[in-house]
Amino acid sequence: MTYAKDTSVSVARSRAEIEDTVTRYGASTFGSMVEDGRAAVVFQCAGRRVMLDVPLPKLGDFEVYKKRTGYGHTKSTRRTPEQQRIALEQACRQRWRALALVVKAKLEAVEAGITTFEDEFLAHIVLPDGKTVGGWMRPQLEAAYERGKMPPLLPAAGGGS
């Protein structure tokens, strides 16, 4: 089951809700962007810049869908260009609703003392070079598991060690 798969809440309304939420919890800046295949929200809070990057579907992802025909069988059906557009818009609305839910849940957990800001947003904190901690760490994590060795520590700001 996909959260908010049938939502009618617009992307603009979800984006505004995210901005209101992060502002209410102390964010000093907020920005968002959408480009083909991805969206991102960026905000500054608790002395950290956070970037949540969300993959978005593309129109071509909705050309064909599986239609249930009964008894566990499915049939592939082609959508018209208009049906593809409608399905794409629905999927984008769903992703933005899910993002609004995640941001609100993380900030509320921090506010309630269940966790810390850094623990909730660690993978999304932007490093001095513009990469997120998660983006920087994922390849190193993979290499650590392949080699069975720990990755090096973060380099000092400015590139020195």
N, C-alpha and C. Protein backbone atom coordinates (compact mmCIF):
# COMPACT_ATOMS: atom_id res chain seq x y z
N MET A 1 0.84 -1.17 0.00
CA MET A 1 0.00 0.00 0.00
C MET A 1 0.89 1.24 0.00
N THR A 2 0.58 2.18 -0.81
CA THR A 2 1.34 3.42 -0.92
C THR A 2 0.59 4.53 -0.21
N TYR A 3 1.30 5.22 0.69
CA TYR A 3 0.71 6.34 1.42
C TYR A 3 0.23 7.40 0.43
N ALA A 4 -0.96 7.90 0.61
CA ALA A 4 -1.56 9.01 -0.14
C ALA A 4 -1.64 8.74 -1.64
N LYS A 5 -1.78 7.47 -2.03
CA LYS A 5 -1.80 7.15 -3.46
C LYS A 5 -2.97 7.79 -4.20
N ASP A 6 -4.05 8.10 -3.49
CA ASP A 6 -5.22 8.70 -4.12
C ASP A 6 -5.43 10.16 -3.70
N THR A 7 -4.39 10.80 -3.22
CA THR A 7 -4.54 12.16 -2.71
C THR A 7 -4.96 13.14 -3.81
N SER A 8 -5.73 14.12 -3.41
CA SER A 8 -6.09 15.20 -4.32
C SER A 8 -5.36 16.49 -3.93
N VAL A 9 -4.51 16.42 -2.89
CA VAL A 9 -3.76 17.59 -2.44
C VAL A 9 -2.71 17.93 -3.48
N SER A 10 -2.68 19.17 -3.91
CA SER A 10 -1.76 19.59 -4.96
C SER A 10 -0.31 19.59 -4.47
N VAL A 11 0.60 19.50 -5.43
CA VAL A 11 2.03 19.59 -5.13
C VAL A 11 2.31 20.94 -4.46
N ALA A 12 1.72 22.01 -4.97
CA ALA A 12 1.96 23.34 -4.40
C ALA A 12 1.52 23.41 -2.94
N ARG A 13 0.39 22.80 -2.63
CA ARG A 13 -0.09 22.82 -1.25
C ARG A 13 0.81 21.99 -0.33
N SER A 14 1.28 20.84 -0.81
CA SER A 14 2.20 20.03 -0.01
C SER A 14 3.51 20.76 0.21
N ARG A 15 4.02 21.41 -0.83
CA ARG A 15 5.26 22.17 -0.71
C ARG A 15 5.10 23.29 0.32
N ALA A 16 3.98 24.00 0.26
CA ALA A 16 3.71 25.07 1.22
C ALA A 16 3.59 24.50 2.63
N GLU A 17 2.99 23.34 2.77
CA GLU A 17 2.87 22.70 4.08
C GLU A 17 4.26 22.35 4.64
N ILE A 18 5.14 21.87 3.78
CA ILE A 18 6.50 21.55 4.22
C ILE A 18 7.21 22.82 4.68
N GLU A 19 7.08 23.90 3.91
CA GLU A 19 7.69 25.18 4.30
C GLU A 19 7.14 25.65 5.63
N ASP A 20 5.83 25.60 5.81
CA ASP A 20 5.21 26.01 7.07
C ASP A 20 5.71 25.14 8.23
N THR A 21 5.82 23.85 7.99
CA THR A 21 6.27 22.92 9.04
C THR A 21 7.69 23.22 9.48
N VAL A 22 8.62 23.33 8.52
CA VAL A 22 10.01 23.56 8.92
C VAL A 22 10.18 24.94 9.56
N THR A 23 9.41 25.91 9.11
CA THR A 23 9.46 27.25 9.71
C THR A 23 8.94 27.20 11.15
N ARG A 24 7.84 26.49 11.36
CA ARG A 24 7.26 26.35 12.70
C ARG A 24 8.25 25.69 13.66
N TYR A 25 9.08 24.79 13.16
CA TYR A 25 10.05 24.10 14.01
C TYR A 25 11.42 24.79 14.02
N GLY A 26 11.49 26.02 13.51
CA GLY A 26 12.69 26.81 13.68
C GLY A 26 13.59 27.01 12.49
N ALA A 27 13.19 26.59 11.30
CA ALA A 27 14.04 26.79 10.13
C ALA A 27 14.17 28.27 9.82
N SER A 28 15.40 28.67 9.50
CA SER A 28 15.64 30.08 9.17
C SER A 28 15.58 30.33 7.67
N THR A 29 15.72 29.31 6.86
CA THR A 29 15.61 29.45 5.40
C THR A 29 14.90 28.23 4.84
N PHE A 30 14.33 28.39 3.65
CA PHE A 30 13.65 27.29 2.98
C PHE A 30 13.70 27.53 1.49
N GLY A 31 13.88 26.48 0.74
CA GLY A 31 13.81 26.56 -0.72
C GLY A 31 13.40 25.21 -1.27
N SER A 32 12.84 25.23 -2.47
CA SER A 32 12.50 23.98 -3.13
C SER A 32 12.76 24.12 -4.61
N MET A 33 12.94 22.98 -5.25
CA MET A 33 13.14 22.97 -6.70
C MET A 33 12.57 21.69 -7.26
N VAL A 34 12.19 21.75 -8.52
CA VAL A 34 11.73 20.58 -9.25
C VAL A 34 12.39 20.62 -10.61
N GLU A 35 12.93 19.48 -11.02
CA GLU A 35 13.43 19.34 -12.37
C GLU A 35 13.03 17.95 -12.85
N ASP A 36 13.25 17.68 -14.09
CA ASP A 36 12.83 16.40 -14.65
C ASP A 36 13.40 15.24 -13.84
N GLY A 37 12.52 14.51 -13.20
CA GLY A 37 12.94 13.31 -12.49
C GLY A 37 13.31 13.48 -11.03
N ARG A 38 13.26 14.71 -10.50
CA ARG A 38 13.57 14.87 -9.08
C ARG A 38 13.04 16.19 -8.55
N ALA A 39 12.86 16.18 -7.23
CA ALA A 39 12.49 17.39 -6.51
C ALA A 39 13.39 17.45 -5.28
N ALA A 40 13.55 18.62 -4.73
CA ALA A 40 14.35 18.75 -3.51
C ALA A 40 13.79 19.90 -2.68
N VAL A 41 13.87 19.73 -1.38
CA VAL A 41 13.62 20.83 -0.47
C VAL A 41 14.88 21.01 0.35
N VAL A 42 15.21 22.26 0.62
CA VAL A 42 16.40 22.61 1.38
C VAL A 42 15.96 23.59 2.46
N PHE A 43 16.45 23.36 3.67
CA PHE A 43 16.18 24.31 4.74
C PHE A 43 17.34 24.33 5.72
N GLN A 44 17.43 25.43 6.45
CA GLN A 44 18.46 25.59 7.48
C GLN A 44 17.75 25.54 8.83
N CYS A 45 18.20 24.63 9.69
CA CYS A 45 17.57 24.47 10.99
C CYS A 45 18.60 23.87 11.95
N ALA A 46 18.56 24.27 13.20
CA ALA A 46 19.47 23.74 14.22
C ALA A 46 20.93 23.87 13.80
N GLY A 47 21.24 24.93 13.08
CA GLY A 47 22.61 25.17 12.66
C GLY A 47 23.08 24.28 11.52
N ARG A 48 22.19 23.58 10.88
CA ARG A 48 22.54 22.67 9.80
C ARG A 48 21.70 22.97 8.56
N ARG A 49 22.33 22.81 7.40
CA ARG A 49 21.57 22.89 6.14
C ARG A 49 21.19 21.47 5.76
N VAL A 50 19.91 21.29 5.45
CA VAL A 50 19.36 19.98 5.14
C VAL A 50 18.81 20.00 3.72
N MET A 51 19.08 18.92 2.97
CA MET A 51 18.51 18.80 1.63
C MET A 51 17.88 17.41 1.49
N LEU A 52 16.58 17.40 1.27
CA LEU A 52 15.86 16.16 1.02
C LEU A 52 15.59 16.07 -0.47
N ASP A 53 16.19 15.10 -1.10
CA ASP A 53 16.10 14.89 -2.54
C ASP A 53 15.10 13.77 -2.80
N VAL A 54 14.11 14.03 -3.63
CA VAL A 54 13.05 13.06 -3.87
C VAL A 54 13.01 12.71 -5.36
N PRO A 55 13.21 11.43 -5.69
CA PRO A 55 13.07 11.05 -7.10
C PRO A 55 11.61 11.15 -7.52
N LEU A 56 11.40 11.71 -8.68
CA LEU A 56 10.04 11.82 -9.22
C LEU A 56 9.92 10.95 -10.46
N PRO A 57 8.76 10.39 -10.69
CA PRO A 57 8.57 9.59 -11.90
C PRO A 57 8.57 10.48 -13.13
N LYS A 58 8.75 9.85 -14.27
CA LYS A 58 8.70 10.56 -15.55
C LYS A 58 7.49 10.07 -16.34
N LEU A 59 7.07 10.85 -17.29
CA LEU A 59 5.87 10.54 -18.07
C LEU A 59 5.94 9.14 -18.67
N GLY A 60 7.08 8.75 -19.19
CA GLY A 60 7.23 7.44 -19.81
C GLY A 60 7.01 6.28 -18.86
N ASP A 61 7.14 6.54 -17.56
CA ASP A 61 6.91 5.49 -16.56
C ASP A 61 5.45 5.03 -16.53
N PHE A 62 4.57 5.79 -17.16
CA PHE A 62 3.14 5.51 -17.08
C PHE A 62 2.52 5.10 -18.41
N GLU A 63 3.36 4.73 -19.36
CA GLU A 63 2.86 4.33 -20.67
C GLU A 63 2.04 3.04 -20.57
N VAL A 64 2.53 2.10 -19.76
CA VAL A 64 1.87 0.80 -19.62
C VAL A 64 1.57 0.57 -18.15
N TYR A 65 0.43 -0.04 -17.87
CA TYR A 65 0.14 -0.45 -16.49
C TYR A 65 -0.46 -1.84 -16.50
N LYS A 66 -0.36 -2.50 -15.36
CA LYS A 66 -0.91 -3.85 -15.20
C LYS A 66 -2.33 -3.73 -14.69
N LYS A 67 -3.25 -4.33 -15.38
CA LYS A 67 -4.66 -4.32 -15.00
C LYS A 67 -5.04 -5.72 -14.53
N ARG A 68 -5.63 -5.81 -13.35
CA ARG A 68 -6.07 -7.11 -12.84
C ARG A 68 -7.24 -7.61 -13.66
N THR A 69 -7.15 -8.89 -14.03
CA THR A 69 -8.23 -9.49 -14.82
C THR A 69 -8.97 -10.56 -14.04
N GLY A 70 -8.55 -10.82 -12.82
CA GLY A 70 -9.21 -11.81 -11.97
C GLY A 70 -8.33 -13.01 -11.71
N TYR A 71 -8.59 -13.66 -10.61
CA TYR A 71 -7.86 -14.88 -10.21
C TYR A 71 -6.34 -14.69 -10.22
N GLY A 72 -5.89 -13.51 -9.85
CA GLY A 72 -4.46 -13.25 -9.75
C GLY A 72 -3.77 -12.97 -11.08
N HIS A 73 -4.52 -12.91 -12.15
CA HIS A 73 -3.94 -12.63 -13.46
C HIS A 73 -3.95 -11.13 -13.74
N THR A 74 -2.99 -10.69 -14.55
CA THR A 74 -2.95 -9.28 -14.96
C THR A 74 -2.77 -9.21 -16.47
N LYS A 75 -3.14 -8.08 -16.99
CA LYS A 75 -2.99 -7.81 -18.42
C LYS A 75 -2.33 -6.44 -18.56
N SER A 76 -1.31 -6.34 -19.41
CA SER A 76 -0.67 -5.06 -19.66
C SER A 76 -1.56 -4.22 -20.57
N THR A 77 -1.77 -2.98 -20.15
CA THR A 77 -2.63 -2.07 -20.90
C THR A 77 -1.88 -0.77 -21.16
N ARG A 78 -1.99 -0.27 -22.38
CA ARG A 78 -1.34 1.01 -22.73
C ARG A 78 -2.27 2.17 -22.37
N ARG A 79 -1.67 3.20 -21.81
CA ARG A 79 -2.42 4.41 -21.49
C ARG A 79 -2.34 5.38 -22.67
N THR A 80 -3.36 6.20 -22.78
CA THR A 80 -3.32 7.29 -23.76
C THR A 80 -2.39 8.37 -23.19
N PRO A 81 -1.92 9.29 -24.02
CA PRO A 81 -1.08 10.37 -23.49
C PRO A 81 -1.75 11.14 -22.35
N GLU A 82 -3.06 11.38 -22.43
CA GLU A 82 -3.78 12.08 -21.37
C GLU A 82 -3.81 11.25 -20.10
N GLN A 83 -4.04 9.94 -20.22
CA GLN A 83 -4.02 9.06 -19.05
C GLN A 83 -2.63 9.02 -18.41
N GLN A 84 -1.59 9.07 -19.23
CA GLN A 84 -0.22 9.10 -18.72
C GLN A 84 0.02 10.37 -17.91
N ARG A 85 -0.43 11.50 -18.45
CA ARG A 85 -0.27 12.78 -17.76
C ARG A 85 -0.98 12.77 -16.42
N ILE A 86 -2.20 12.25 -16.40
CA ILE A 86 -2.98 12.19 -15.16
C ILE A 86 -2.29 11.28 -14.14
N ALA A 87 -1.79 10.14 -14.59
CA ALA A 87 -1.10 9.21 -13.68
C ALA A 87 0.19 9.83 -13.15
N LEU A 88 0.91 10.56 -14.00
CA LEU A 88 2.14 11.24 -13.56
C LEU A 88 1.82 12.28 -12.50
N GLU A 89 0.81 13.10 -12.73
CA GLU A 89 0.43 14.13 -11.76
C GLU A 89 0.03 13.51 -10.43
N GLN A 90 -0.71 12.39 -10.47
CA GLN A 90 -1.11 11.72 -9.24
C GLN A 90 0.11 11.19 -8.49
N ALA A 91 1.04 10.60 -9.21
CA ALA A 91 2.25 10.06 -8.57
C ALA A 91 3.08 11.18 -7.94
N CYS A 92 3.15 12.31 -8.61
CA CYS A 92 3.90 13.45 -8.04
C CYS A 92 3.21 13.99 -6.79
N ARG A 93 1.89 14.09 -6.82
CA ARG A 93 1.15 14.52 -5.63
C ARG A 93 1.42 13.56 -4.47
N GLN A 94 1.42 12.26 -4.75
CA GLN A 94 1.67 11.26 -3.71
C GLN A 94 3.06 11.43 -3.11
N ARG A 95 4.07 11.62 -3.94
CA ARG A 95 5.45 11.78 -3.43
C ARG A 95 5.57 13.00 -2.53
N TRP A 96 4.96 14.11 -2.94
CA TRP A 96 5.04 15.32 -2.13
C TRP A 96 4.28 15.16 -0.82
N ARG A 97 3.14 14.44 -0.82
CA ARG A 97 2.43 14.18 0.44
C ARG A 97 3.30 13.34 1.36
N ALA A 98 3.95 12.32 0.81
CA ALA A 98 4.83 11.46 1.61
C ALA A 98 5.98 12.29 2.18
N LEU A 99 6.54 13.18 1.38
CA LEU A 99 7.63 14.04 1.87
C LEU A 99 7.14 14.93 3.00
N ALA A 100 5.95 15.50 2.86
CA ALA A 100 5.40 16.34 3.94
C ALA A 100 5.24 15.53 5.22
N LEU A 101 4.77 14.30 5.10
CA LEU A 101 4.61 13.43 6.26
C LEU A 101 5.96 13.14 6.93
N VAL A 102 6.95 12.80 6.13
CA VAL A 102 8.28 12.47 6.68
C VAL A 102 8.89 13.65 7.41
N VAL A 103 8.84 14.83 6.80
CA VAL A 103 9.42 16.02 7.43
C VAL A 103 8.72 16.32 8.75
N LYS A 104 7.39 16.29 8.73
CA LYS A 104 6.63 16.58 9.94
C LYS A 104 6.93 15.55 11.03
N ALA A 105 6.97 14.27 10.68
CA ALA A 105 7.24 13.21 11.67
C ALA A 105 8.64 13.35 12.27
N LYS A 106 9.63 13.63 11.45
CA LYS A 106 11.00 13.78 11.94
C LYS A 106 11.10 14.97 12.90
N LEU A 107 10.55 16.10 12.51
CA LEU A 107 10.64 17.28 13.36
C LEU A 107 9.84 17.12 14.64
N GLU A 108 8.71 16.46 14.59
CA GLU A 108 7.93 16.23 15.79
C GLU A 108 8.65 15.28 16.74
N ALA A 109 9.32 14.25 16.19
CA ALA A 109 10.10 13.32 17.03
C ALA A 109 11.24 14.05 17.72
N VAL A 110 11.86 15.00 17.03
CA VAL A 110 12.93 15.81 17.64
C VAL A 110 12.34 16.68 18.74
N GLU A 111 11.25 17.36 18.43
CA GLU A 111 10.60 18.26 19.40
C GLU A 111 10.17 17.50 20.66
N ALA A 112 9.71 16.26 20.51
CA ALA A 112 9.24 15.47 21.64
C ALA A 112 10.39 14.84 22.42
N GLY A 113 11.62 15.00 21.95
CA GLY A 113 12.76 14.44 22.65
C GLY A 113 12.97 12.95 22.40
N ILE A 114 12.31 12.41 21.40
CA ILE A 114 12.46 11.00 21.07
C ILE A 114 13.82 10.75 20.40
N THR A 115 14.28 11.71 19.66
CA THR A 115 15.53 11.59 18.91
C THR A 115 16.15 12.97 18.79
N THR A 116 17.28 13.07 18.11
CA THR A 116 17.93 14.37 17.91
C THR A 116 17.79 14.80 16.45
N PHE A 117 17.98 16.07 16.22
CA PHE A 117 17.91 16.60 14.86
C PHE A 117 18.93 15.89 13.97
N GLU A 118 20.16 15.76 14.45
CA GLU A 118 21.22 15.12 13.66
C GLU A 118 20.88 13.67 13.35
N ASP A 119 20.33 12.94 14.34
CA ASP A 119 19.99 11.54 14.08
C ASP A 119 18.89 11.42 13.03
N GLU A 120 17.90 12.29 13.06
CA GLU A 120 16.80 12.22 12.11
C GLU A 120 17.20 12.66 10.70
N PHE A 121 18.07 13.64 10.60
CA PHE A 121 18.38 14.22 9.30
C PHE A 121 19.81 13.96 8.84
N LEU A 122 20.55 13.11 9.53
CA LEU A 122 21.98 12.93 9.24
C LEU A 122 22.28 12.70 7.77
N ALA A 123 21.60 11.78 7.13
CA ALA A 123 21.88 11.47 5.73
C ALA A 123 21.61 12.67 4.81
N HIS A 124 20.81 13.62 5.27
CA HIS A 124 20.39 14.75 4.43
C HIS A 124 21.10 16.06 4.77
N ILE A 125 21.99 16.03 5.78
CA ILE A 125 22.74 17.25 6.13
C ILE A 125 23.75 17.52 5.03
N VAL A 126 23.81 18.78 4.60
CA VAL A 126 24.70 19.18 3.52
C VAL A 126 26.08 19.50 4.09
N LEU A 127 27.09 18.87 3.51
CA LEU A 127 28.48 19.08 3.90
C LEU A 127 29.03 20.34 3.23
N PRO A 128 30.20 20.83 3.67
CA PRO A 128 30.76 22.04 3.08
C PRO A 128 30.97 21.98 1.56
N ASP A 129 31.15 20.78 1.00
CA ASP A 129 31.36 20.67 -0.45
C ASP A 129 30.05 20.57 -1.23
N GLY A 130 28.90 20.65 -0.54
CA GLY A 130 27.60 20.61 -1.21
C GLY A 130 26.98 19.22 -1.29
N LYS A 131 27.74 18.19 -0.99
CA LYS A 131 27.18 16.83 -0.96
C LYS A 131 26.47 16.63 0.37
N THR A 132 25.52 15.71 0.36
CA THR A 132 24.89 15.34 1.63
C THR A 132 25.74 14.26 2.30
N VAL A 133 25.56 14.11 3.60
CA VAL A 133 26.28 13.07 4.33
C VAL A 133 25.97 11.71 3.71
N GLY A 134 24.71 11.47 3.39
CA GLY A 134 24.34 10.20 2.77
C GLY A 134 24.99 10.00 1.42
N GLY A 135 25.00 11.03 0.60
CA GLY A 135 25.64 10.94 -0.72
C GLY A 135 27.14 10.69 -0.61
N TRP A 136 27.76 11.30 0.39
CA TRP A 136 29.18 11.11 0.62
C TRP A 136 29.46 9.72 1.18
N MET A 137 28.59 9.24 2.04
CA MET A 137 28.85 8.00 2.78
C MET A 137 28.46 6.73 2.04
N ARG A 138 27.43 6.78 1.19
CA ARG A 138 26.94 5.55 0.53
C ARG A 138 28.04 4.78 -0.19
N PRO A 139 28.87 5.41 -1.03
CA PRO A 139 29.93 4.65 -1.70
C PRO A 139 30.95 4.08 -0.70
N GLN A 140 31.23 4.84 0.35
CA GLN A 140 32.18 4.36 1.35
C GLN A 140 31.61 3.19 2.15
N LEU A 141 30.33 3.24 2.41
CA LEU A 141 29.68 2.14 3.12
C LEU A 141 29.74 0.87 2.29
N GLU A 142 29.43 1.00 1.00
CA GLU A 142 29.49 -0.14 0.09
C GLU A 142 30.91 -0.72 0.06
N ALA A 143 31.90 0.16 -0.05
CA ALA A 143 33.30 -0.29 -0.08
C ALA A 143 33.70 -0.94 1.24
N ALA A 144 33.22 -0.41 2.35
CA ALA A 144 33.54 -0.99 3.67
C ALA A 144 33.02 -2.41 3.76
N TYR A 145 31.83 -2.64 3.26
CA TYR A 145 31.26 -3.99 3.30
C TYR A 145 32.00 -4.93 2.34
N GLU A 146 32.39 -4.41 1.16
CA GLU A 146 33.12 -5.24 0.20
C GLU A 146 34.49 -5.64 0.74
N ARG A 147 35.19 -4.69 1.37
CA ARG A 147 36.56 -4.94 1.85
C ARG A 147 36.63 -5.40 3.29
N GLY A 148 35.54 -5.17 4.03
CA GLY A 148 35.58 -5.52 5.45
C GLY A 148 36.43 -4.56 6.27
N LYS A 149 36.62 -3.31 5.75
CA LYS A 149 37.43 -2.30 6.44
C LYS A 149 36.62 -1.03 6.60
N MET A 150 36.90 -0.30 7.67
CA MET A 150 36.22 0.97 7.92
C MET A 150 36.70 2.03 6.94
N PRO A 151 35.79 2.95 6.51
CA PRO A 151 36.20 4.06 5.65
C PRO A 151 36.95 5.10 6.47
N PRO A 152 37.69 6.00 5.81
CA PRO A 152 38.39 7.08 6.53
C PRO A 152 37.38 8.05 7.12
N LEU A 153 37.81 8.83 8.11
CA LEU A 153 36.97 9.85 8.71
C LEU A 153 36.73 10.99 7.74
N LEU A 154 35.75 11.83 8.03
CA LEU A 154 35.49 13.00 7.21
C LEU A 154 36.73 13.87 7.13
N PRO A 155 37.04 14.43 5.96
CA PRO A 155 38.17 15.35 5.90
C PRO A 155 37.83 16.64 6.62
N ALA A 156 38.85 17.34 7.10
CA ALA A 156 38.65 18.62 7.77
C ALA A 156 38.11 19.64 6.77
N ALA A 157 37.35 20.61 7.25
CA ALA A 157 36.85 21.67 6.37
C ALA A 157 38.03 22.35 5.69
N GLY A 158 37.90 22.60 4.41
CA GLY A 158 38.97 23.22 3.67
C GLY A 158 39.90 22.20 3.00
N GLY A 159 39.62 20.90 3.18
CA GLY A 159 40.37 19.88 2.48
C GLY A 159 41.57 19.31 3.20
N GLY A 160 41.99 19.92 4.34
CA GLY A 160 43.15 19.40 5.06
C GLY A 160 42.78 18.16 5.85
N SER A 161 43.80 17.45 6.37
CA SER A 161 43.49 16.28 7.18
C SER A 161 44.00 16.41 8.58
